[in-house]
Protein backbone atom coordinates (compact mmCIF):
# COMPACT_ATOMS: atom_id res chain seq x y z
CA MET A 1 41.07 -23.16 -8.99
CA GLU A 2 38.58 -25.99 -8.10
CA CYS A 3 35.27 -25.75 -10.36
CA THR A 4 32.63 -26.26 -7.67
CA GLN A 5 29.26 -25.88 -9.21
CA VAL A 6 26.05 -25.01 -7.64
CA LYS A 7 23.79 -28.25 -8.06
CA PRO A 8 20.24 -27.74 -9.29
CA ALA A 9 17.41 -29.01 -7.17
CA VAL A 10 16.52 -32.67 -7.21
CA GLY A 11 13.97 -33.85 -9.61
CA ALA A 12 10.52 -35.49 -8.99
CA ALA A 13 12.15 -38.87 -8.65
CA ALA A 14 14.36 -37.62 -5.55
CA ASP A 15 14.81 -39.89 -2.69
CA LEU A 16 13.10 -38.09 0.22
CA THR A 17 14.30 -40.82 2.86
CA ALA A 18 17.49 -38.92 3.43
CA PRO A 19 17.26 -36.80 6.46
CA ALA A 20 16.55 -33.22 5.73
CA PRO A 21 14.70 -30.93 8.28
CA ARG A 22 11.71 -29.21 6.82
CA SER A 23 13.02 -25.93 7.89
CA THR A 24 16.26 -26.19 5.97
CA PRO A 25 16.80 -24.99 2.50
CA GLU A 26 17.79 -28.55 1.40
CA GLY A 27 14.63 -29.98 2.93
CA LEU A 28 12.34 -27.31 1.08
CA SER A 29 13.97 -27.98 -2.25
CA ARG A 30 13.71 -31.81 -1.96
CA ARG A 31 10.03 -31.50 -1.39
CA GLN A 32 9.66 -28.85 -4.26
CA GLY A 33 11.38 -31.61 -6.31
CA ALA A 34 8.93 -34.29 -5.25
CA ARG A 35 5.83 -32.26 -5.68
CA GLU A 36 6.42 -30.09 -8.77
CA PRO A 37 7.38 -30.82 -12.29
CA ALA A 38 10.88 -30.15 -13.62
CA ALA A 39 9.25 -28.14 -16.35
CA ARG A 40 9.77 -24.75 -14.57
CA THR A 41 13.76 -24.70 -15.21
CA TYR A 42 13.93 -21.23 -13.76
CA ALA A 43 13.52 -22.80 -10.29
CA ARG A 44 15.83 -25.74 -11.04
CA ALA A 45 18.66 -23.70 -12.20
CA LEU A 46 18.33 -21.33 -9.11
CA PRO A 47 17.94 -23.62 -6.20
CA ILE A 48 17.38 -20.58 -3.71
CA VAL A 49 14.85 -20.45 -0.96
CA PRO A 50 14.23 -16.68 -0.55
CA VAL A 51 12.86 -15.64 3.04
CA ARG A 52 13.37 -11.69 2.67
CA ALA A 53 13.90 -9.20 -0.21
CA ARG A 54 14.38 -5.53 -0.68
CA GLY A 55 15.09 -3.67 -3.72
CA LEU A 56 17.81 -5.46 -5.68
CA THR A 57 18.67 -7.88 -2.87
CA ILE A 58 17.24 -11.24 -1.97
CA GLU A 59 18.23 -13.14 1.18
CA GLY A 60 18.06 -16.84 1.18
CA ALA A 61 17.05 -19.13 4.03
CA ASP A 62 20.82 -20.05 4.31
CA GLY A 63 21.63 -16.59 5.20
CA ARG A 64 23.27 -15.70 1.71
CA ARG A 65 22.42 -12.46 -0.24
CA TYR A 66 21.96 -12.36 -3.69
CA LEU A 67 21.71 -9.42 -6.23
CA ASP A 68 18.70 -10.20 -8.28
CA CYS A 69 19.39 -9.30 -11.80
CA LEU A 70 16.31 -11.09 -13.34
CA SER A 71 13.65 -9.13 -11.28
CA GLY A 72 10.98 -11.99 -11.48
CA ALA A 73 11.17 -12.15 -15.22
CA GLY A 74 10.98 -8.32 -15.51
CA THR A 75 7.92 -8.04 -13.21
CA LEU A 76 9.66 -6.00 -10.66
CA ALA A 77 10.20 -2.55 -12.07
CA LEU A 78 10.82 -1.10 -8.67
CA GLY A 79 12.56 -4.24 -7.28
CA HIS A 80 11.51 -6.17 -4.36
CA ASN A 81 9.08 -4.69 -1.71
CA HIS A 82 9.37 -1.21 -2.78
CA PRO A 83 7.97 1.05 0.02
CA VAL A 84 5.25 2.87 -2.44
CA VAL A 85 4.02 -0.52 -3.33
CA LEU A 86 3.93 -1.91 0.14
CA GLU A 87 2.04 1.24 1.19
CA ALA A 88 -0.38 0.93 -1.54
CA ILE A 89 -1.12 -2.63 -0.76
CA ARG A 90 -1.54 -2.02 3.04
CA THR A 91 -4.02 0.98 2.26
CA VAL A 92 -6.29 -1.40 0.25
CA LEU A 93 -5.96 -4.01 3.26
CA ASP A 94 -6.83 -1.52 5.87
CA SER A 95 -9.80 -0.18 4.16
CA GLY A 96 -11.88 -3.25 4.19
CA ALA A 97 -12.33 -3.11 0.49
CA PRO A 98 -13.19 -6.39 -1.53
CA LEU A 99 -9.98 -7.85 -2.58
CA SER A 100 -11.47 -9.07 -5.87
CA ALA A 101 -14.35 -7.63 -7.80
CA PRO A 102 -14.32 -8.94 -11.31
CA ASP A 103 -15.42 -6.18 -14.04
CA LEU A 104 -16.93 -4.18 -11.19
CA ALA A 105 -16.11 -0.33 -10.95
CA THR A 106 -14.18 0.23 -8.04
CA PRO A 107 -12.23 3.36 -6.63
CA VAL A 108 -8.91 1.17 -6.97
CA LYS A 109 -9.54 0.31 -10.53
CA ASP A 110 -10.49 3.72 -11.52
CA ALA A 111 -7.28 5.21 -10.17
CA PHE A 112 -5.31 2.33 -12.02
CA LEU A 113 -6.77 3.28 -15.27
CA ASP A 114 -6.26 6.96 -14.71
CA GLU A 115 -2.53 6.38 -14.30
CA LEU A 116 -2.38 3.91 -17.08
CA PHE A 117 -3.99 6.45 -19.43
CA ARG A 118 -1.53 8.93 -18.40
CA THR A 119 1.36 6.74 -19.59
CA LEU A 120 0.08 5.44 -22.95
CA PRO A 121 1.29 6.64 -26.24
CA PRO A 122 -0.62 9.78 -27.20
CA GLY A 123 -2.05 8.41 -30.60
CA LEU A 124 -3.54 5.37 -28.61
CA ALA A 125 -4.51 7.23 -25.45
CA GLU A 126 -6.88 9.30 -27.11
CA ARG A 127 -8.94 6.43 -28.43
CA ALA A 128 -8.05 3.67 -25.87
CA ARG A 129 -10.46 1.15 -24.36
CA VAL A 130 -9.07 -1.29 -21.75
CA ARG A 131 -10.07 -5.02 -21.09
CA PHE A 132 -9.01 -6.75 -18.09
CA CYS A 133 -8.48 -10.46 -18.32
CA GLY A 134 -6.84 -13.37 -16.51
CA PRO A 135 -3.69 -12.28 -14.82
CA ALA A 136 -1.08 -14.08 -16.96
CA GLY A 137 0.62 -12.56 -20.03
CA SER A 138 -0.29 -15.69 -22.19
CA GLU A 139 -4.12 -15.04 -21.20
CA ALA A 140 -3.66 -11.21 -22.41
CA VAL A 141 -2.11 -12.42 -25.76
CA GLU A 142 -5.06 -14.78 -26.37
CA THR A 143 -7.50 -12.10 -25.49
CA SER A 144 -6.06 -9.70 -27.78
CA TRP A 145 -6.07 -12.27 -30.71
CA ALA A 146 -9.71 -12.93 -30.05
CA LEU A 147 -10.28 -9.25 -30.22
CA ALA A 148 -8.58 -8.86 -33.53
CA ARG A 149 -10.43 -11.84 -35.03
CA ALA A 150 -13.94 -10.41 -33.81
CA ALA A 151 -12.99 -6.94 -35.34
CA THR A 152 -11.85 -8.29 -38.61
CA GLY A 153 -13.92 -11.68 -39.13
CA ARG A 154 -10.61 -13.08 -40.15
CA SER A 155 -8.64 -16.06 -38.92
CA GLY A 156 -5.03 -16.52 -38.67
CA LEU A 157 -2.27 -14.58 -36.89
CA LEU A 158 1.17 -13.27 -37.95
CA THR A 159 3.90 -13.45 -35.42
CA PHE A 160 7.63 -13.76 -35.51
CA THR A 161 10.34 -16.56 -34.95
CA GLY A 162 11.52 -16.28 -31.35
CA ALA A 163 8.11 -14.93 -30.01
CA GLY A 164 8.00 -15.72 -26.47
CA ARG A 165 4.34 -15.60 -25.66
CA GLY A 166 1.20 -17.36 -26.56
CA GLY A 167 -1.24 -19.89 -25.21
CA THR A 168 -3.42 -22.96 -25.93
CA ALA A 169 -4.42 -21.64 -29.47
CA GLY A 170 -0.89 -21.87 -30.53
CA VAL A 171 0.63 -18.56 -30.55
CA GLY A 172 3.84 -19.76 -28.88
CA CYS A 173 4.84 -20.90 -25.50
CA GLY A 174 2.78 -19.99 -22.71
CA GLY A 175 0.00 -21.12 -20.29
CA THR A 176 -3.59 -21.39 -20.44
CA ALA A 177 -5.40 -19.29 -22.60
CA GLY A 178 -8.16 -17.05 -20.99
CA VAL A 179 -10.57 -17.07 -23.87
CA LEU A 180 -11.30 -20.83 -24.76
CA ASP A 181 -14.84 -20.30 -25.03
CA ASP A 182 -14.47 -17.76 -27.78
CA PRO A 183 -15.98 -19.22 -31.00
CA PHE A 184 -13.20 -17.40 -33.06
CA VAL A 185 -10.38 -18.91 -31.01
CA ASN A 186 -11.87 -22.23 -30.76
CA SER A 187 -12.28 -22.50 -34.56
CA ARG A 188 -10.42 -25.38 -36.46
CA ASP A 189 -8.87 -23.09 -39.18
CA THR A 190 -6.68 -21.14 -36.82
CA ARG A 191 -3.38 -20.64 -38.57
CA VAL A 192 -0.13 -19.14 -37.20
CA THR A 193 2.39 -17.77 -39.50
CA ARG A 194 5.73 -17.10 -38.19
CA LEU A 195 7.75 -14.44 -40.18
CA PRO A 196 11.68 -13.64 -39.93
CA TYR A 197 12.28 -11.28 -37.07
CA PRO A 198 15.41 -9.11 -38.05
CA GLN A 199 18.68 -8.97 -35.96
CA ASP A 200 22.30 -8.16 -36.31
CA TYR A 201 23.80 -11.58 -35.01
CA ARG A 202 21.78 -14.52 -36.26
CA TYR A 203 20.04 -12.62 -38.82
CA PRO A 204 17.53 -14.46 -41.20
CA PHE A 205 18.52 -13.43 -44.57
CA GLY A 206 22.40 -13.69 -43.92
CA VAL A 207 22.82 -9.87 -43.58
CA GLY A 208 22.06 -7.56 -40.79
CA GLY A 209 21.84 -3.86 -40.08
CA GLU A 210 19.50 -1.70 -42.16
CA HIS A 211 19.69 -4.10 -45.18
CA GLY A 212 18.74 -7.15 -43.22
CA ALA A 213 15.81 -5.33 -41.82
CA ASP A 214 14.79 -4.16 -45.30
CA LEU A 215 14.85 -7.48 -46.67
CA ALA A 216 12.88 -8.92 -43.69
CA ALA A 217 10.06 -6.14 -44.20
CA ARG A 218 10.13 -6.78 -48.07
CA TRP A 219 9.72 -10.55 -47.53
CA THR A 220 6.67 -9.80 -45.13
CA GLU A 221 5.33 -7.49 -47.76
CA SER A 222 5.65 -10.07 -50.56
CA LEU A 223 3.95 -12.66 -48.34
CA LEU A 224 0.94 -10.02 -47.73
CA GLY A 225 0.79 -8.80 -51.22
CA ASP A 226 0.04 -12.16 -52.78
CA PRO A 227 -2.05 -14.40 -50.74
CA GLY A 228 -2.79 -16.63 -53.75
CA SER A 229 0.95 -17.44 -54.29
CA SER A 230 2.06 -17.50 -50.67
CA GLY A 231 -0.81 -19.45 -49.49
CA ILE A 232 -1.60 -17.33 -46.66
CA PRO A 233 -4.77 -15.29 -46.63
CA LEU A 234 -5.07 -11.86 -45.11
CA PRO A 235 -4.73 -12.40 -41.30
CA ALA A 236 -6.71 -11.20 -38.33
CA GLY A 237 -3.60 -9.50 -36.91
CA MET A 238 -0.02 -9.17 -36.49
CA LEU A 239 1.48 -9.71 -33.07
CA VAL A 240 5.14 -8.41 -32.41
CA GLU A 241 7.44 -7.68 -29.47
CA PRO A 242 9.54 -4.45 -29.79
CA VAL A 243 12.27 -6.21 -28.10
CA GLN A 244 11.99 -10.06 -28.04
CA GLY A 245 12.60 -11.17 -24.50
CA GLU A 246 12.64 -14.94 -24.37
CA GLY A 247 13.90 -15.07 -27.89
CA GLY A 248 17.21 -13.88 -26.56
CA VAL A 249 16.86 -9.96 -25.92
CA ILE A 250 16.63 -8.74 -29.40
CA PRO A 251 15.60 -5.35 -30.17
CA ALA A 252 13.55 -4.68 -33.49
CA PRO A 253 15.06 -1.97 -35.59
CA ASP A 254 12.93 1.18 -35.39
CA SER A 255 12.72 1.62 -38.97
CA TRP A 256 11.51 -2.15 -39.65
CA LEU A 257 8.85 -1.55 -37.00
CA ARG A 258 7.62 1.45 -38.68
CA ARG A 259 7.58 -0.64 -41.92
CA MET A 260 5.46 -3.16 -40.00
CA ARG A 261 2.94 -0.50 -39.01
CA GLN A 262 2.68 0.70 -42.53
CA LEU A 263 2.03 -2.70 -44.12
CA THR A 264 -0.51 -3.64 -41.45
CA ALA A 265 -2.39 -0.06 -41.61
CA ASP A 266 -2.41 -0.40 -45.57
CA ARG A 267 -4.26 -3.85 -45.22
CA SER A 268 -6.55 -2.89 -42.27
CA VAL A 269 -4.56 -5.73 -40.37
CA PRO A 270 -4.47 -4.84 -36.64
CA LEU A 271 -0.95 -4.39 -35.15
CA ILE A 272 -0.78 -5.78 -31.68
CA VAL A 273 2.32 -5.04 -29.69
CA ASP A 274 3.27 -7.38 -26.90
CA GLU A 275 4.91 -4.96 -24.09
CA ILE A 276 4.52 -7.73 -21.43
CA GLN A 277 8.21 -7.67 -20.72
CA THR A 278 9.36 -4.41 -22.29
CA GLY A 279 6.80 -2.22 -20.64
CA VAL A 280 6.83 0.40 -17.84
CA GLY A 281 10.31 1.75 -18.69
CA ARG A 282 12.29 -1.26 -18.94
CA THR A 283 13.95 -0.46 -22.32
CA GLY A 284 14.50 3.34 -21.83
CA ALA A 285 10.90 4.50 -22.90
CA PHE A 286 7.90 4.11 -20.87
CA TRP A 287 6.64 1.71 -23.62
CA ALA A 288 9.30 0.30 -25.99
CA VAL A 289 7.08 0.92 -28.94
CA GLU A 290 7.62 4.65 -28.39
CA HIS A 291 11.37 4.41 -29.79
CA SER A 292 10.08 3.84 -33.06
CA GLY A 293 7.13 6.55 -32.95
CA VAL A 294 4.73 3.68 -33.87
CA THR A 295 1.13 3.81 -32.72
CA PRO A 296 -0.26 0.20 -32.45
CA ASP A 297 -3.84 -0.79 -32.58
CA VAL A 298 -3.52 -3.06 -29.51
CA MET A 299 -1.19 -3.27 -26.54
CA VAL A 300 -0.73 -6.29 -24.46
CA LEU A 301 0.40 -5.48 -20.92
CA SER A 302 1.35 -7.66 -17.92
CA ASN A 303 4.24 -8.06 -15.63
CA ALA A 304 5.51 -4.93 -14.25
CA ILE A 305 2.18 -3.19 -14.49
CA GLY A 306 0.92 -5.33 -11.45
CA GLY A 307 3.64 -3.89 -9.19
CA SER A 308 4.99 -7.46 -8.55
CA LEU A 309 1.15 -8.99 -8.14
CA PRO A 310 -0.47 -10.76 -11.00
CA LEU A 311 -2.19 -8.32 -13.48
CA ALA A 312 -2.96 -8.36 -17.30
CA VAL A 313 -4.81 -5.96 -19.43
CA VAL A 314 -5.36 -5.30 -23.15
CA VAL A 315 -5.56 -1.82 -24.47
CA TYR A 316 -7.17 -1.33 -27.96
CA ARG A 317 -8.46 1.13 -30.34
CA ASP A 318 -12.19 2.12 -29.44
CA ASP A 319 -13.21 1.16 -33.09
CA LEU A 320 -12.28 -2.36 -32.82
CA VAL A 321 -15.05 -4.86 -31.86
CA THR A 322 -15.39 -6.06 -28.33
CA ARG A 323 -17.20 -8.83 -26.61
CA GLU A 324 -21.33 -8.75 -26.64
CA PRO A 325 -22.77 -8.58 -23.30
CA GLY A 326 -23.12 -11.95 -21.63
CA SER A 327 -20.15 -13.64 -23.07
CA PRO A 328 -18.00 -15.71 -20.77
CA ALA A 329 -15.73 -13.66 -18.32
CA ASP A 330 -12.42 -14.30 -16.71
CA ALA A 331 -12.52 -15.29 -13.09
CA PHE A 332 -9.87 -13.07 -11.81
CA PRO A 333 -9.48 -9.86 -13.73
CA GLY A 334 -10.41 -7.65 -10.61
CA ASN A 335 -7.46 -8.10 -8.26
CA GLN A 336 -7.52 -5.02 -6.29
CA LEU A 337 -4.39 -5.29 -4.70
CA ALA A 338 -2.56 -5.76 -7.88
CA MET A 339 -4.25 -2.71 -9.36
CA ALA A 340 -3.36 -0.68 -6.29
CA ALA A 341 0.45 -1.87 -6.53
CA GLY A 342 0.40 -1.31 -10.25
CA THR A 343 -0.95 2.23 -9.83
CA ALA A 344 1.92 3.01 -7.35
CA THR A 345 4.42 1.53 -9.61
CA LEU A 346 3.32 3.37 -12.85
CA ALA A 347 3.18 6.77 -10.95
CA HIS A 348 6.65 6.25 -9.36
CA VAL A 349 8.38 5.18 -12.74
CA ARG A 350 6.49 8.31 -14.33
CA GLU A 351 7.21 10.80 -11.74
CA ASN A 352 10.81 9.97 -11.24
CA ALA A 353 11.77 9.63 -14.83
CA LEU A 354 12.96 6.10 -14.36
CA ALA A 355 12.61 5.13 -17.93
CA ASP A 356 15.17 8.08 -18.92
CA ARG A 357 17.44 6.64 -15.91
CA ALA A 358 16.96 3.03 -17.72
CA ALA A 359 18.20 4.66 -20.99
CA THR A 360 21.10 6.14 -19.70
CA LEU A 361 22.29 3.40 -17.44
CA GLY A 362 21.74 0.81 -20.30
CA VAL A 363 23.94 2.53 -22.72
CA ARG A 364 26.67 2.71 -20.13
CA LEU A 365 26.16 -1.11 -19.18
CA LEU A 366 26.16 -2.08 -22.74
CA SER A 367 29.33 -0.34 -23.41
CA GLN A 368 31.02 -1.82 -20.53
CA LEU A 369 29.81 -5.22 -21.40
CA ARG A 370 31.00 -4.93 -24.91
CA GLN A 371 34.56 -4.26 -23.73
CA LEU A 372 34.33 -7.29 -21.61
CA ALA A 373 33.15 -9.30 -24.70
CA SER A 374 36.28 -8.36 -26.41
CA ASP A 375 38.25 -10.39 -23.80
CA PHE A 376 36.46 -13.70 -24.44
CA SER A 377 35.91 -15.35 -27.73
CA CYS A 378 32.92 -17.32 -26.31
CA VAL A 379 30.96 -14.11 -26.11
CA GLY A 380 29.34 -13.97 -29.66
CA ASP A 381 27.02 -11.02 -29.07
CA VAL A 382 25.99 -8.21 -26.41
CA ARG A 383 22.80 -6.63 -27.09
CA GLY A 384 19.79 -5.09 -25.72
CA ARG A 385 17.91 -1.79 -24.84
CA GLY A 386 17.80 0.10 -21.63
CA LEU A 387 17.91 -2.22 -18.68
CA MET A 388 16.94 -5.24 -20.93
CA ILE A 389 20.40 -6.86 -21.88
CA GLY A 390 21.41 -10.12 -23.35
CA VAL A 391 24.98 -11.82 -23.59
CA GLU A 392 24.91 -14.66 -25.98
CA PHE A 393 27.76 -17.46 -25.69
CA VAL A 394 28.92 -19.37 -28.34
CA ASP A 395 31.45 -22.13 -29.37
CA PRO A 396 34.70 -20.25 -30.41
CA ASP A 397 36.10 -23.71 -31.81
CA GLY A 398 32.77 -24.51 -33.74
CA GLU A 399 32.13 -24.02 -37.40
CA GLY A 400 30.07 -20.89 -38.23
CA GLU A 401 26.57 -21.30 -39.45
CA TRP A 402 24.22 -19.01 -41.16
CA GLY A 403 21.43 -17.38 -39.30
CA SER A 404 18.11 -19.12 -40.02
CA ALA A 405 14.48 -17.35 -39.98
CA GLY A 406 12.82 -20.75 -39.33
CA VAL A 407 10.25 -19.76 -41.75
CA LEU A 408 9.10 -22.63 -43.88
CA GLY A 409 9.03 -21.74 -47.50
CA ALA A 410 11.05 -18.52 -47.17
CA PRO A 411 12.34 -17.46 -50.50
CA ALA A 412 15.87 -17.31 -51.42
CA ILE A 413 17.92 -14.10 -50.53
CA ALA A 414 18.61 -13.34 -54.05
CA ASP A 415 14.86 -13.47 -54.83
CA VAL A 416 13.96 -10.98 -52.07
CA ALA A 417 16.94 -8.70 -52.80
CA ALA A 418 15.70 -8.60 -56.49
CA ALA A 419 12.19 -7.56 -55.44
CA PRO A 420 11.13 -3.84 -56.07
CA ALA A 421 12.14 -1.87 -52.86
CA ALA A 422 8.94 -1.02 -50.83
CA PRO A 423 8.62 2.69 -49.85
CA ALA A 424 9.82 3.18 -46.43
CA ALA A 425 7.55 4.41 -43.85
CA PRO A 426 8.14 8.13 -42.57
CA GLY A 427 11.50 8.29 -40.68
CA ALA A 428 12.61 4.99 -41.64
CA ALA A 429 15.99 6.10 -42.71
CA GLU A 430 17.20 7.16 -39.55
CA GLY A 431 16.18 3.63 -37.78
CA GLY A 432 18.33 1.54 -35.83
CA VAL A 433 18.52 0.79 -32.04
CA PRO A 434 20.18 3.58 -30.04
CA GLY A 435 22.31 2.07 -27.29
CA SER A 436 22.11 -1.33 -28.82
CA VAL A 437 25.71 -2.89 -28.78
CA GLY A 438 26.84 -6.08 -30.78
CA SER A 439 29.93 -7.66 -31.86
CA VAL A 440 28.75 -7.25 -35.45
CA THR A 441 29.04 -4.12 -37.54
CA PRO A 442 25.74 -3.21 -39.05
CA GLY A 443 25.31 -4.45 -42.57
CA SER A 444 28.16 -6.80 -42.52
CA TRP A 445 28.04 -10.44 -43.41
CA HIS A 446 29.57 -13.13 -40.94
CA ARG A 447 28.89 -16.79 -40.26
CA PRO A 448 27.76 -16.75 -36.61
CA LEU A 449 29.34 -19.54 -34.26
CA PRO A 450 27.22 -22.26 -32.74
CA ALA A 451 25.27 -21.46 -29.80
CA ALA A 452 26.78 -22.62 -26.43
CA PRO A 453 24.06 -23.58 -23.78
CA GLU A 454 26.11 -25.60 -21.62
CA LEU A 455 28.62 -22.69 -21.24
CA ALA A 456 25.76 -20.25 -20.68
CA ALA A 457 24.37 -22.49 -17.92
CA GLU A 458 27.73 -22.71 -16.41
CA VAL A 459 27.95 -18.85 -16.27
CA GLN A 460 24.59 -18.86 -14.51
CA ARG A 461 25.83 -21.12 -11.98
CA GLU A 462 29.09 -19.28 -11.40
CA CYS A 463 27.14 -16.09 -11.06
CA LEU A 464 24.97 -17.77 -8.41
CA ARG A 465 28.17 -18.72 -6.57
CA ARG A 466 29.06 -15.15 -6.55
CA GLY A 467 25.77 -13.94 -5.43
CA LEU A 468 24.21 -12.88 -8.73
CA ILE A 469 21.01 -13.99 -10.18
CA VAL A 470 20.67 -13.93 -13.92
CA GLY A 471 18.36 -15.64 -16.46
CA LEU A 472 18.87 -17.77 -19.77
CA GLY A 473 16.92 -17.51 -22.93
CA GLY A 474 17.31 -17.20 -26.56
CA ARG A 475 18.66 -19.81 -29.04
CA HIS A 476 19.08 -23.15 -27.11
CA ALA A 477 18.97 -20.93 -23.90
CA SER A 478 22.41 -19.73 -24.65
CA VAL A 479 21.80 -16.23 -23.72
CA VAL A 480 22.36 -14.77 -20.26
CA GLN A 481 19.66 -12.09 -19.52
CA LEU A 482 20.08 -9.21 -17.28
CA LEU A 483 16.82 -7.47 -16.30
CA PRO A 484 17.82 -5.33 -13.09
CA PRO A 485 15.03 -3.24 -11.47
CA LEU A 486 14.86 0.45 -12.70
CA THR A 487 15.83 1.58 -9.13
CA ILE A 488 19.37 0.07 -9.57
CA THR A 489 22.31 2.45 -8.35
CA ASP A 490 25.43 2.92 -10.18
CA GLU A 491 27.37 0.96 -7.34
CA GLN A 492 25.07 -1.93 -7.66
CA ALA A 493 25.35 -1.92 -11.49
CA ALA A 494 29.21 -1.95 -11.10
CA ALA A 495 28.80 -4.84 -8.76
CA ILE A 496 26.81 -6.72 -11.18
CA LEU A 497 29.26 -6.21 -14.05
CA GLU A 498 32.18 -7.24 -11.64
CA ARG A 499 30.50 -10.32 -10.59
CA LEU A 500 29.51 -11.44 -14.10
CA ALA A 501 33.08 -10.78 -15.52
CA ASP A 502 34.24 -12.96 -12.67
CA ALA A 503 31.88 -15.59 -13.55
CA ILE A 504 32.69 -15.68 -17.14
CA ARG A 505 36.32 -16.32 -16.38
CA ALA A 506 35.67 -18.98 -14.11
CA ALA A 507 33.30 -20.82 -16.43
CA VAL A 508 35.95 -20.48 -19.11
CA ARG A 509 38.45 -21.95 -16.80
CA CYS A 510 36.18 -24.80 -15.83
CA ARG A 511 35.75 -25.68 -19.46
CA GLY A 512 39.42 -25.99 -19.90
CA GLY A 513 40.02 -22.76 -21.58
CA GLY A 514 41.08 -19.34 -20.69
CA PRO A 515 40.53 -15.58 -21.75
CA ALA A 516 40.96 -15.27 -25.34
CA THR A 517 40.76 -12.42 -27.85
CA ALA A 518 37.37 -12.21 -29.58
CA PRO A 519 37.57 -13.50 -33.40
């Protein structure tokens, strides 16, 4: 077999003198490379010029069709151009209503809030307020942080290694903050502390499962319980993803998340849950935090809530301090088309039980991918929740390495293990992640193999050759991400698995190896 690779679009230094008609995909890609930076790796790795799309399918300008298993980084809960979304948008356009009405009361906004409140976790919905902010997820994160700082009068934020959101205040990777004029966010004493995030493959304390989750929780409790020794004063808030997306599709153990809720509640530290990528049925519950039964103080929402259009909101308990009247406002919190599309999406997911469908199909896909992984030693781990799945590629010939929390000053494993066990939150004993599948037995010790980002990129290219769009993320971008729309059929799921399996075989052959039994 000849290993023909799909070459990424040319960079900014491309030679534009070569003939390439403006109407061709090649011409469009060349001009994109000259006009836009190469920092947006998504576009460079997927040199597609989409002209039509419906559901799971994208058609390129070259006439080729692709199964979109990335769904706009999870923004398309119903896939491309779903009829209920298009109808909602047309209704607003035909009504003559203003398309942007920042912070003003409108019938479209009122309908959106009605539907949003129907879906919120009951413990939060009863006391919820909603703040609209700039349309990006990073702006929503910044807004939630500013709210927590104003409520507590404290600076600093606790977040976790692998976190994929943030903004200019330094929470993580992200875009421009929407609250730069906030005196709390702009203060010089801002400190972000990254804590170990438990997982069952590259675990931070050399052990996974419930034992690893317990060690991570006790480390956090030790840090918060002695600010003098740890050097970390009580923070304004804790920001956590129920399933880390860009960190490599890593589900948080339910028992651990309940422990984080108990630790923060005992210390009056607002718990901020990032549901930007996990929300609206993606993980098999309408909101991923519901798997653990935790009620957060703040929820950060974006992506799918706009029904494919830019929209972000922060939902928070009504006893948290809000901005005073007259403070600076965001320019685009009132996108009426996004609210209409979001209302249609939320209602369709709720009325058709698409979260339950995601849970059922997700278990099946994870099981089948686990079987596939047993054929390839280069697949180190398969994990996920619902229709949020990650396949991590490793170097089977590399030397094993211990997982690392990446937290400066983390205590030795023995020191943490010797500390008195903290009382578990109610229901913690039955934790775990139902439907989560990995190559590691919970609680076992192992030395995970080195990440293989080149192989993962090769798999992505081979998928594209076979008409399948997948994403990359995680440690050194070595995790292939699958985020299909919630409307995916059984036949489409089978096609995705078939194309992915064939792509892995081709990528392994291209690198001079062949199928091998998992170590």
